[in-house]
N, C-alpha and C. Protein backbone atom coordinates (compact mmCIF):
# COMPACT_ATOMS: atom_id res chain seq x y z
N MET A 1 90.85 82.66 85.42
CA MET A 1 90.26 83.11 86.34
C MET A 1 90.89 85.10 86.83
N LYS A 2 90.23 85.48 87.22
CA LYS A 2 89.91 87.20 87.29
C LYS A 2 89.88 87.47 88.46
N TYR A 3 90.86 88.16 89.20
CA TYR A 3 90.82 89.09 90.30
C TYR A 3 90.78 90.64 90.37
N LEU A 4 90.06 91.00 91.22
CA LEU A 4 89.96 92.84 91.47
C LEU A 4 90.64 93.10 92.82
N ILE A 5 91.63 93.53 92.96
CA ILE A 5 92.25 94.45 94.41
C ILE A 5 91.77 95.77 93.98
N VAL A 6 91.40 96.08 95.00
CA VAL A 6 91.03 97.56 95.03
C VAL A 6 91.74 98.13 96.50
N GLY A 7 92.51 99.46 96.00
CA GLY A 7 93.21 100.10 97.51
C GLY A 7 92.74 101.32 97.77
N LEU A 8 92.13 101.40 98.25
CA LEU A 8 91.07 102.45 98.99
C LEU A 8 92.04 104.10 99.14
N GLY A 9 91.96 105.20 98.70
CA GLY A 9 92.42 106.11 98.64
C GLY A 9 91.63 107.21 98.63
N ASN A 10 92.35 108.70 98.59
CA ASN A 10 91.92 109.46 97.97
C ASN A 10 93.10 110.20 96.63
N LYS A 11 92.10 110.59 95.57
CA LYS A 11 93.26 111.04 94.65
C LYS A 11 94.00 112.72 95.10
N GLY A 12 94.96 113.13 94.51
CA GLY A 12 95.34 114.36 95.11
C GLY A 12 96.92 114.32 95.71
N SER A 13 97.37 115.33 95.43
CA SER A 13 98.97 115.15 96.18
C SER A 13 99.08 115.80 97.58
N GLU A 14 98.05 116.23 97.73
CA GLU A 14 97.33 116.99 99.87
C GLU A 14 97.41 115.37 100.39
N TYR A 15 96.88 114.02 99.71
CA TYR A 15 96.31 112.74 100.16
C TYR A 15 97.43 111.78 100.34
N GLU A 16 98.00 111.88 99.35
CA GLU A 16 99.04 111.07 98.86
C GLU A 16 99.96 110.24 99.94
N ASN A 17 100.07 110.75 101.13
CA ASN A 17 101.17 110.01 102.03
C ASN A 17 100.39 110.62 103.02
N THR A 18 98.83 110.33 103.10
CA THR A 18 98.50 109.79 104.44
C THR A 18 98.03 108.56 105.11
N ARG A 19 97.61 108.33 106.09
CA ARG A 19 97.12 107.04 106.74
C ARG A 19 95.85 106.88 106.01
N HIS A 20 95.12 108.05 105.78
CA HIS A 20 93.65 107.52 104.85
C HIS A 20 93.86 106.64 103.56
N ASN A 21 95.39 106.90 102.87
CA ASN A 21 95.54 106.51 101.61
C ASN A 21 96.58 105.25 101.54
N ILE A 22 96.77 104.21 102.57
CA ILE A 22 96.99 103.30 102.81
C ILE A 22 96.93 102.06 101.47
N GLY A 23 95.32 101.95 101.13
CA GLY A 23 95.11 101.24 99.95
C GLY A 23 95.94 101.20 99.10
N PHE A 24 96.17 102.71 98.93
CA PHE A 24 96.99 103.25 97.28
C PHE A 24 98.16 102.82 97.34
N LYS A 25 98.91 102.68 99.05
CA LYS A 25 100.38 102.14 98.85
C LYS A 25 100.37 100.84 98.50
N VAL A 26 99.54 100.05 99.16
CA VAL A 26 99.58 98.97 99.12
C VAL A 26 99.27 98.26 97.72
N ALA A 27 98.20 99.14 97.28
CA ALA A 27 98.25 98.73 95.42
C ALA A 27 98.95 98.79 94.75
N GLU A 28 99.73 100.02 95.20
CA GLU A 28 101.18 100.18 94.43
C GLU A 28 102.01 99.48 94.38
N LYS A 29 102.36 98.72 95.52
CA LYS A 29 103.42 97.56 95.58
C LYS A 29 103.19 96.33 94.94
N ILE A 30 101.71 95.97 95.22
CA ILE A 30 101.38 95.04 94.86
C ILE A 30 101.39 94.94 92.80
N ALA A 31 100.64 96.27 92.37
CA ALA A 31 101.61 96.31 90.37
C ALA A 31 103.26 96.40 90.53
N GLU A 32 103.74 96.80 91.65
CA GLU A 32 105.02 96.93 90.92
C GLU A 32 105.61 95.26 91.19
N LYS A 33 105.11 94.46 92.14
CA LYS A 33 105.33 93.22 92.00
C LYS A 33 104.84 92.65 90.91
N LEU A 34 103.86 92.45 90.21
CA LEU A 34 103.05 91.85 88.61
C LEU A 34 103.68 92.68 87.81
N GLU A 35 104.52 93.63 88.15
CA GLU A 35 105.41 94.43 86.59
C GLU A 35 104.41 94.95 86.30
N ALA A 36 103.48 95.80 86.57
CA ALA A 36 102.13 96.36 86.03
C ALA A 36 101.58 97.52 86.17
N PRO A 37 102.07 98.25 85.57
CA PRO A 37 101.90 99.83 85.42
C PRO A 37 100.76 100.38 85.83
N PHE A 38 100.18 101.08 86.12
CA PHE A 38 98.58 101.72 86.31
C PHE A 38 98.48 102.88 85.04
N ASN A 39 97.32 102.50 84.78
CA ASN A 39 96.81 103.49 83.33
C ASN A 39 95.79 104.28 84.11
N THR A 40 95.40 104.90 83.49
CA THR A 40 94.33 106.07 83.85
C THR A 40 93.27 105.46 82.80
N ALA A 41 92.09 105.41 83.85
CA ALA A 41 90.81 104.63 82.94
C ALA A 41 89.44 104.80 83.88
N ASN A 42 88.27 104.31 83.38
CA ASN A 42 87.33 104.92 83.64
C ASN A 42 87.40 104.47 85.82
N PHE A 43 87.18 105.49 86.36
CA PHE A 43 86.80 105.64 87.56
C PHE A 43 87.84 105.23 88.27
N GLY A 44 89.17 105.58 87.56
CA GLY A 44 90.72 105.58 88.37
C GLY A 44 91.60 105.22 87.87
N TRP A 45 92.65 104.77 88.53
CA TRP A 45 94.08 103.89 87.87
C TRP A 45 93.40 102.77 88.00
N ILE A 46 93.63 102.09 86.76
CA ILE A 46 94.11 100.21 86.79
C ILE A 46 95.41 100.02 85.94
N ALA A 47 95.76 98.51 87.03
CA ALA A 47 97.04 98.17 86.47
C ALA A 47 96.83 96.47 86.45
N GLU A 48 96.85 96.16 85.22
CA GLU A 48 96.52 94.08 84.90
C GLU A 48 97.73 93.54 84.56
N GLY A 49 97.82 92.48 85.66
CA GLY A 49 98.72 91.73 85.51
C GLY A 49 98.75 90.56 85.56
N LYS A 50 99.64 89.61 85.98
CA LYS A 50 99.37 88.22 85.71
C LYS A 50 100.18 87.24 87.64
N TYR A 51 99.55 86.75 87.77
CA TYR A 51 99.95 85.95 88.87
C TYR A 51 99.67 84.57 89.48
N LYS A 52 100.33 84.04 88.97
CA LYS A 52 100.36 82.32 89.22
C LYS A 52 99.76 81.79 88.29
N GLY A 53 99.11 82.43 87.34
CA GLY A 53 98.54 82.17 85.92
C GLY A 53 97.14 82.39 85.66
N ARG A 54 96.61 83.52 86.76
CA ARG A 54 95.45 83.99 87.57
C ARG A 54 95.59 85.59 86.85
N LYS A 55 95.06 85.98 86.47
CA LYS A 55 94.86 87.56 86.24
C LYS A 55 94.19 88.73 86.90
N VAL A 56 95.02 89.45 87.33
CA VAL A 56 94.82 90.39 88.11
C VAL A 56 95.05 91.72 87.93
N PHE A 57 93.34 92.46 88.37
CA PHE A 57 93.19 93.77 88.18
C PHE A 57 93.36 94.68 89.39
N VAL A 58 94.53 95.14 89.43
CA VAL A 58 94.81 96.30 90.68
C VAL A 58 94.21 98.19 90.09
N LEU A 59 92.99 98.16 91.31
CA LEU A 59 92.71 99.74 91.30
C LEU A 59 92.31 100.72 92.26
N LYS A 60 93.18 101.38 91.82
CA LYS A 60 93.22 102.85 93.05
C LYS A 60 91.88 103.51 92.44
N PRO A 61 90.79 103.52 92.91
CA PRO A 61 89.58 104.32 92.52
C PRO A 61 90.07 106.06 92.94
N ASP A 62 89.06 106.59 91.36
CA ASP A 62 89.53 108.32 91.68
C ASP A 62 88.34 108.95 91.87
N THR A 63 87.16 108.21 93.28
CA THR A 63 86.35 108.84 92.70
C THR A 63 86.23 109.14 94.47
N TYR A 64 87.38 109.73 94.97
CA TYR A 64 87.21 109.97 96.41
C TYR A 64 87.21 108.33 97.64
N MET A 65 87.16 108.51 98.87
CA MET A 65 86.87 107.41 99.17
C MET A 65 85.88 106.94 99.20
N ASN A 66 84.87 108.21 99.25
CA ASN A 66 82.93 108.08 100.12
C ASN A 66 82.19 107.40 98.91
N LEU A 67 82.74 107.63 97.74
CA LEU A 67 82.40 107.03 96.46
C LEU A 67 83.07 105.42 96.04
N SER A 68 83.63 105.29 96.55
CA SER A 68 84.78 104.27 96.26
C SER A 68 83.88 102.58 95.37
N GLY A 69 82.35 102.83 95.99
CA GLY A 69 81.53 101.85 95.04
C GLY A 69 81.79 101.52 93.72
N ASN A 70 81.37 102.87 93.51
CA ASN A 70 81.10 103.34 91.91
C ASN A 70 82.39 102.42 91.12
N ALA A 71 83.50 102.57 91.91
CA ALA A 71 84.57 102.01 90.81
C ALA A 71 84.40 100.76 90.81
N VAL A 72 84.05 100.05 92.15
CA VAL A 72 84.47 98.43 92.55
C VAL A 72 83.03 97.97 91.42
N ARG A 73 82.06 98.48 91.69
CA ARG A 73 80.95 97.91 90.71
C ARG A 73 81.33 98.16 89.19
N TYR A 74 82.05 98.40 89.10
CA TYR A 74 82.19 99.11 87.20
C TYR A 74 83.26 98.37 86.86
N TRP A 75 84.24 98.13 87.51
CA TRP A 75 85.35 97.34 87.16
C TRP A 75 85.06 95.77 87.41
N MET A 76 84.01 95.28 88.19
CA MET A 76 83.31 94.21 88.33
C MET A 76 82.24 93.60 87.40
N GLN A 77 81.75 94.24 86.84
CA GLN A 77 81.22 94.38 85.48
C GLN A 77 82.04 94.57 84.52
N LYS A 78 82.26 95.44 84.22
CA LYS A 78 83.59 95.32 83.25
C LYS A 78 84.30 94.16 83.07
N GLU A 79 84.85 93.58 83.91
CA GLU A 79 85.79 92.34 83.47
C GLU A 79 85.21 91.34 84.25
N ASN A 80 83.91 91.19 84.46
CA ASN A 80 83.26 89.97 84.64
C ASN A 80 83.74 89.31 85.96
N ILE A 81 84.17 89.71 87.18
CA ILE A 81 84.90 89.51 87.95
C ILE A 81 83.71 89.02 89.55
N PRO A 82 83.79 87.54 89.67
CA PRO A 82 82.78 87.59 90.64
C PRO A 82 83.20 88.54 92.01
N LEU A 83 81.78 88.49 92.78
CA LEU A 83 82.09 88.99 94.12
C LEU A 83 83.25 88.28 95.00
N GLU A 84 83.66 87.41 94.77
CA GLU A 84 84.19 86.15 95.56
C GLU A 84 85.90 86.40 95.45
N ASN A 85 86.11 87.05 93.87
CA ASN A 85 87.55 87.30 93.74
C ASN A 85 87.56 88.87 94.16
N VAL A 86 87.09 89.47 95.15
CA VAL A 86 87.46 90.92 94.94
C VAL A 86 87.87 91.47 96.46
N LEU A 87 89.06 91.83 96.47
CA LEU A 87 89.63 92.57 97.88
C LEU A 87 89.60 93.39 98.06
N ILE A 88 89.52 94.32 99.29
CA ILE A 88 89.58 96.06 99.04
C ILE A 88 90.56 96.08 100.35
N ILE A 89 91.25 96.94 100.14
CA ILE A 89 92.37 97.02 101.13
C ILE A 89 91.95 98.47 101.75
N THR A 90 91.83 98.74 102.67
CA THR A 90 92.02 99.99 103.61
C THR A 90 92.85 100.15 104.40
N ASP A 91 92.04 101.50 105.57
CA ASP A 91 92.83 101.37 106.60
C ASP A 91 91.94 101.48 107.74
N ASP A 92 92.29 101.08 108.65
CA ASP A 92 91.41 100.42 110.14
C ASP A 92 91.72 101.69 111.38
N LEU A 93 90.92 102.14 111.80
CA LEU A 93 91.62 102.99 113.33
C LEU A 93 91.39 102.05 114.34
N ALA A 94 90.73 100.99 114.36
CA ALA A 94 90.24 100.14 115.74
C ALA A 94 91.55 99.18 115.42
N LEU A 95 92.62 99.12 114.79
CA LEU A 95 93.45 98.54 114.54
C LEU A 95 95.06 98.98 115.30
N PRO A 96 95.47 98.61 116.27
CA PRO A 96 97.05 98.85 116.61
C PRO A 96 97.67 98.92 115.00
N PHE A 97 98.85 100.21 114.88
CA PHE A 97 99.49 100.70 113.69
C PHE A 97 99.97 99.51 112.92
N GLY A 98 100.07 99.17 111.38
CA GLY A 98 100.25 98.28 111.28
C GLY A 98 99.50 96.60 111.00
N THR A 99 98.67 96.56 112.21
CA THR A 99 97.92 94.98 112.01
C THR A 99 97.36 94.77 110.87
N LEU A 100 97.77 94.03 110.60
CA LEU A 100 97.01 92.93 109.13
C LEU A 100 95.69 91.99 109.56
N ARG A 101 94.59 92.30 109.36
CA ARG A 101 93.59 91.80 109.37
C ARG A 101 92.56 91.61 108.17
N MET A 102 92.26 90.42 107.68
CA MET A 102 92.00 90.19 106.85
C MET A 102 90.30 89.19 107.00
N LYS A 103 89.17 89.88 106.25
CA LYS A 103 88.08 89.40 106.46
C LYS A 103 87.32 88.73 105.31
N GLY A 104 86.63 88.15 105.18
CA GLY A 104 85.74 87.28 103.96
C GLY A 104 84.44 88.39 104.06
N LYS A 105 84.01 89.05 105.06
CA LYS A 105 82.81 89.70 104.99
C LYS A 105 82.57 90.89 106.43
N GLY A 106 82.26 91.83 106.32
CA GLY A 106 81.88 92.26 107.83
C GLY A 106 81.17 93.25 107.36
N SER A 107 80.82 93.87 108.56
CA SER A 107 80.39 95.85 108.59
C SER A 107 81.23 96.39 108.26
N ASP A 108 81.02 97.61 107.92
CA ASP A 108 82.19 98.69 107.67
C ASP A 108 82.80 99.72 108.42
N ALA A 109 82.53 99.32 109.72
CA ALA A 109 82.87 99.54 111.26
C ALA A 109 83.25 101.10 111.15
N GLY A 110 82.19 101.93 110.52
CA GLY A 110 82.39 103.31 110.68
C GLY A 110 83.31 103.74 109.53
N HIS A 111 83.54 103.56 108.48
CA HIS A 111 84.58 103.38 107.23
C HIS A 111 83.83 103.75 106.03
N ASN A 112 83.95 105.18 105.34
CA ASN A 112 82.70 105.65 104.68
C ASN A 112 83.31 104.49 103.20
N GLY A 113 84.15 104.52 102.91
CA GLY A 113 84.52 103.90 101.69
C GLY A 113 83.99 102.90 101.86
N LEU A 114 84.05 101.82 102.70
CA LEU A 114 83.70 100.64 102.95
C LEU A 114 81.66 100.58 103.06
N LYS A 115 81.57 101.80 103.65
CA LYS A 115 79.77 102.05 103.64
C LYS A 115 79.28 102.37 102.05
N ASN A 116 80.04 102.82 101.66
CA ASN A 116 79.70 102.80 100.36
C ASN A 116 79.73 101.70 99.43
N ILE A 117 80.66 100.94 99.96
CA ILE A 117 80.90 99.55 98.17
C ILE A 117 79.54 99.13 99.00
N ASN A 118 79.43 98.78 100.20
CA ASN A 118 77.98 97.72 100.71
C ASN A 118 77.14 98.57 99.98
N GLU A 119 76.64 100.06 100.37
CA GLU A 119 75.43 100.72 99.48
C GLU A 119 75.36 100.12 98.00
N VAL A 120 76.59 100.46 97.23
CA VAL A 120 76.45 99.84 95.83
C VAL A 120 76.19 98.70 95.51
N LEU A 121 77.10 97.42 96.04
CA LEU A 121 76.91 96.26 95.78
C LEU A 121 76.06 95.70 96.69
N GLN A 122 75.15 96.30 97.53
CA GLN A 122 73.71 96.06 98.08
C GLN A 122 74.52 94.35 99.01
N THR A 123 75.71 94.61 99.38
CA THR A 123 76.60 93.21 100.38
C THR A 123 77.35 93.44 100.78
N GLN A 124 77.94 92.93 102.29
CA GLN A 124 78.86 93.30 102.84
C GLN A 124 79.97 91.50 102.67
N ASN A 125 79.35 91.18 102.18
CA ASN A 125 80.23 89.92 101.62
C ASN A 125 81.15 89.86 100.52
N TYR A 126 81.97 90.37 100.99
CA TYR A 126 83.28 90.48 100.16
C TYR A 126 84.25 90.76 100.86
N ALA A 127 85.66 90.11 100.78
CA ALA A 127 87.18 90.16 101.49
C ALA A 127 86.93 91.66 101.73
N ARG A 128 88.37 91.49 102.77
CA ARG A 128 88.66 93.06 102.87
C ARG A 128 90.16 92.99 103.74
N LEU A 129 90.72 93.46 103.25
CA LEU A 129 92.29 93.54 104.03
C LEU A 129 92.23 94.63 105.17
N ARG A 130 92.49 94.96 106.38
CA ARG A 130 92.30 96.03 106.90
C ARG A 130 93.89 96.17 107.86
N PHE A 131 94.33 97.35 107.32
CA PHE A 131 95.58 98.02 107.61
C PHE A 131 95.14 98.69 109.08
N GLY A 132 95.96 98.04 109.98
CA GLY A 132 95.60 99.37 111.15
C GLY A 132 96.36 100.58 111.31
N ILE A 133 95.89 101.32 111.49
CA ILE A 133 96.65 102.75 111.70
C ILE A 133 96.32 103.47 113.13
N SER A 134 95.52 102.50 113.98
CA SER A 134 95.88 103.22 115.22
C SER A 134 95.01 104.14 115.23
N ALA A 135 94.38 104.33 116.99
CA ALA A 135 93.50 105.49 116.72
C ALA A 135 94.05 106.55 118.19
N ASP A 136 95.14 107.23 117.52
CA ASP A 136 95.73 107.81 118.36
C ASP A 136 95.72 109.22 118.49
N PHE A 137 94.41 109.72 118.16
CA PHE A 137 94.01 111.01 118.19
C PHE A 137 93.77 111.83 119.74
N ALA A 138 92.90 113.01 119.77
CA ALA A 138 92.03 113.21 120.55
C ALA A 138 90.85 113.40 120.42
N ALA A 139 89.57 113.65 121.28
CA ALA A 139 88.65 113.40 120.70
C ALA A 139 88.33 114.59 119.98
N GLY A 140 87.09 114.18 119.24
CA GLY A 140 86.91 115.38 117.87
C GLY A 140 87.82 115.52 116.65
N ARG A 141 89.04 114.76 116.94
CA ARG A 141 90.53 115.09 116.09
C ARG A 141 90.56 113.63 114.74
N GLN A 142 89.64 112.93 114.95
CA GLN A 142 89.27 112.15 113.97
C GLN A 142 89.80 111.85 112.52
N VAL A 143 88.96 113.05 111.76
CA VAL A 143 89.29 113.65 110.28
C VAL A 143 90.98 114.12 110.06
N ASP A 144 91.35 114.85 111.40
CA ASP A 144 92.73 115.12 110.64
C ASP A 144 93.89 114.48 111.11
N TYR A 145 93.64 113.43 112.36
CA TYR A 145 94.29 111.98 111.62
C TYR A 145 94.64 111.20 111.07
N VAL A 146 93.21 111.01 110.37
CA VAL A 146 93.44 109.94 108.96
C VAL A 146 93.80 110.32 107.93
N LEU A 147 93.64 111.68 108.23
CA LEU A 147 93.64 112.81 106.70
C LEU A 147 95.59 113.40 107.39
N GLY A 148 95.89 112.86 107.92
CA GLY A 148 97.52 113.37 108.70
C GLY A 148 98.56 112.35 108.13
N THR A 149 99.66 112.83 107.85
CA THR A 149 100.55 112.24 107.46
C THR A 149 101.36 111.22 108.99
N TRP A 150 102.07 109.76 108.55
CA TRP A 150 102.51 109.24 109.12
C TRP A 150 103.83 109.55 110.15
N ASN A 151 104.02 109.21 111.42
CA ASN A 151 105.05 109.98 111.89
C ASN A 151 106.32 109.46 111.88
N GLU A 152 107.10 109.64 112.75
CA GLU A 152 108.42 108.92 112.46
C GLU A 152 108.57 107.88 112.49
N GLU A 153 107.86 107.18 114.00
CA GLU A 153 108.05 105.62 113.86
C GLU A 153 107.28 104.88 113.03
N GLU A 154 106.47 105.30 112.65
CA GLU A 154 105.49 104.84 111.61
C GLU A 154 105.74 104.55 110.36
N THR A 155 106.47 105.67 109.84
CA THR A 155 107.09 105.82 108.34
C THR A 155 108.54 104.81 108.82
N GLU A 156 108.88 104.73 109.52
CA GLU A 156 110.28 103.67 109.87
C GLU A 156 109.88 102.37 109.24
N LYS A 157 108.68 101.58 110.42
CA LYS A 157 107.99 100.56 110.04
C LYS A 157 107.13 100.49 108.55
N LEU A 158 106.76 101.44 107.87
CA LEU A 158 105.80 101.25 106.72
C LEU A 158 106.42 100.35 105.79
N THR A 159 107.55 100.66 104.96
CA THR A 159 107.75 99.79 103.95
C THR A 159 107.79 98.35 104.08
N GLU A 160 108.21 98.00 105.32
CA GLU A 160 108.43 96.47 105.80
C GLU A 160 106.24 96.08 105.73
N ARG A 161 105.71 96.51 106.52
CA ARG A 161 104.51 96.63 106.00
C ARG A 161 103.42 96.45 104.92
N ILE A 162 103.90 97.64 104.24
CA ILE A 162 103.54 97.31 103.10
C ILE A 162 103.58 96.15 101.87
N GLU A 163 105.19 95.98 102.12
CA GLU A 163 105.78 94.63 102.02
C GLU A 163 104.85 93.28 102.23
N THR A 164 104.16 93.14 103.44
CA THR A 164 103.58 91.93 103.98
C THR A 164 102.38 92.37 103.57
N PHE A 165 101.83 93.44 103.76
CA PHE A 165 100.18 93.60 103.19
C PHE A 165 99.74 93.06 101.64
N SER A 166 101.43 93.23 100.88
CA SER A 166 101.03 92.81 99.25
C SER A 166 101.18 91.29 99.18
N LYS A 167 102.44 90.98 99.60
CA LYS A 167 102.30 89.72 99.77
C LYS A 167 100.76 88.88 100.70
N ALA A 168 100.02 89.71 101.05
CA ALA A 168 99.20 88.65 101.85
C ALA A 168 97.69 88.62 100.46
N SER A 169 97.58 90.18 100.10
CA SER A 169 96.59 90.29 98.96
C SER A 169 96.83 89.53 97.61
N LEU A 170 98.31 89.12 97.35
CA LEU A 170 98.76 88.18 96.22
C LEU A 170 98.19 86.54 96.49
N SER A 171 98.84 86.62 98.24
CA SER A 171 98.02 84.97 98.72
C SER A 171 96.58 84.68 97.98
N PHE A 172 95.79 86.07 99.00
CA PHE A 172 94.25 85.83 98.37
C PHE A 172 94.41 85.05 97.34
N VAL A 173 94.66 85.89 96.26
CA VAL A 173 94.48 85.48 95.12
C VAL A 173 94.92 83.79 94.71
N PHE A 174 96.36 83.74 95.03
CA PHE A 174 96.09 82.11 94.83
C PHE A 174 96.25 81.15 95.67
N ALA A 175 95.84 81.26 97.00
CA ALA A 175 95.48 80.01 97.92
C ALA A 175 94.13 80.45 98.92
N GLY A 176 93.16 81.49 98.67
CA GLY A 176 92.11 81.69 98.91
C GLY A 176 92.31 82.29 100.25
N ILE A 177 91.08 82.96 100.42
CA ILE A 177 90.58 83.41 101.91
C ILE A 177 91.32 82.92 103.01
N SER A 178 90.79 81.44 103.20
CA SER A 178 90.77 81.03 104.94
C SER A 178 92.28 80.67 104.68
N ASN A 179 93.09 80.66 103.51
CA ASN A 179 94.46 80.09 103.48
C ASN A 179 95.35 81.57 104.11
N THR A 180 94.85 82.59 103.38
CA THR A 180 95.69 83.73 104.00
C THR A 180 95.26 84.19 104.75
N MET A 181 94.03 84.10 105.36
CA MET A 181 93.50 84.64 106.80
C MET A 181 94.55 83.88 107.56
N SER A 182 94.72 82.05 107.84
CA SER A 182 95.34 81.93 108.53
C SER A 182 96.86 82.15 108.32
N THR A 183 97.76 82.58 107.80
CA THR A 183 98.98 82.81 107.19
C THR A 183 98.96 84.08 108.01
N PHE A 184 98.38 84.70 107.54
CA PHE A 184 98.74 86.52 107.84
C PHE A 184 97.86 87.34 108.78
N ASN A 185 97.03 86.81 108.89
CA ASN A 185 96.17 87.51 109.94
C ASN A 185 96.67 87.80 111.58
N GLY A 186 97.04 88.89 112.06
CA GLY A 186 97.88 89.03 113.39
C GLY A 186 99.15 89.80 113.02
N LYS A 187 99.79 89.26 111.85
CA LYS A 187 100.81 89.42 111.26
C LYS A 187 101.32 90.80 110.87
């Protein structure tokens, strides 16, 4: 069985530690747990490893957030990975900082990366793991906020939250979405 875990983010050092790149950070932790280094590949950086006998591909798209769907579709087709074995990790303004929410399907909730994936795959029926970044910004400052860096309080908690999200992602691979949602949602 093959799985594709995609951490959404933007390439480039100027985005590396921004809220919008939390998907990349979680993907990096998953690859570390799998002892699978990232290699440059079509549409991004890919790490290939095994988890409890299952082949796992971890992708950090290099397409920028708004074109993430092209990378997801490419790797699904290249490795013949079914939609039910795909997990997208993304930031979410609607959730308090560090809140974990996994869902089996749903709308893009205004997230441009998810919006593009929905358009390219022509479905909303894929698993997504949302990392709460809260919405602590003044009116009209959303872009500055999501492309801004973590504050001191968030930075102190970030390592533990990334660890929890990586565990939830690997639980999706082994235990399935229902069990993972029961175990991790809201944690």
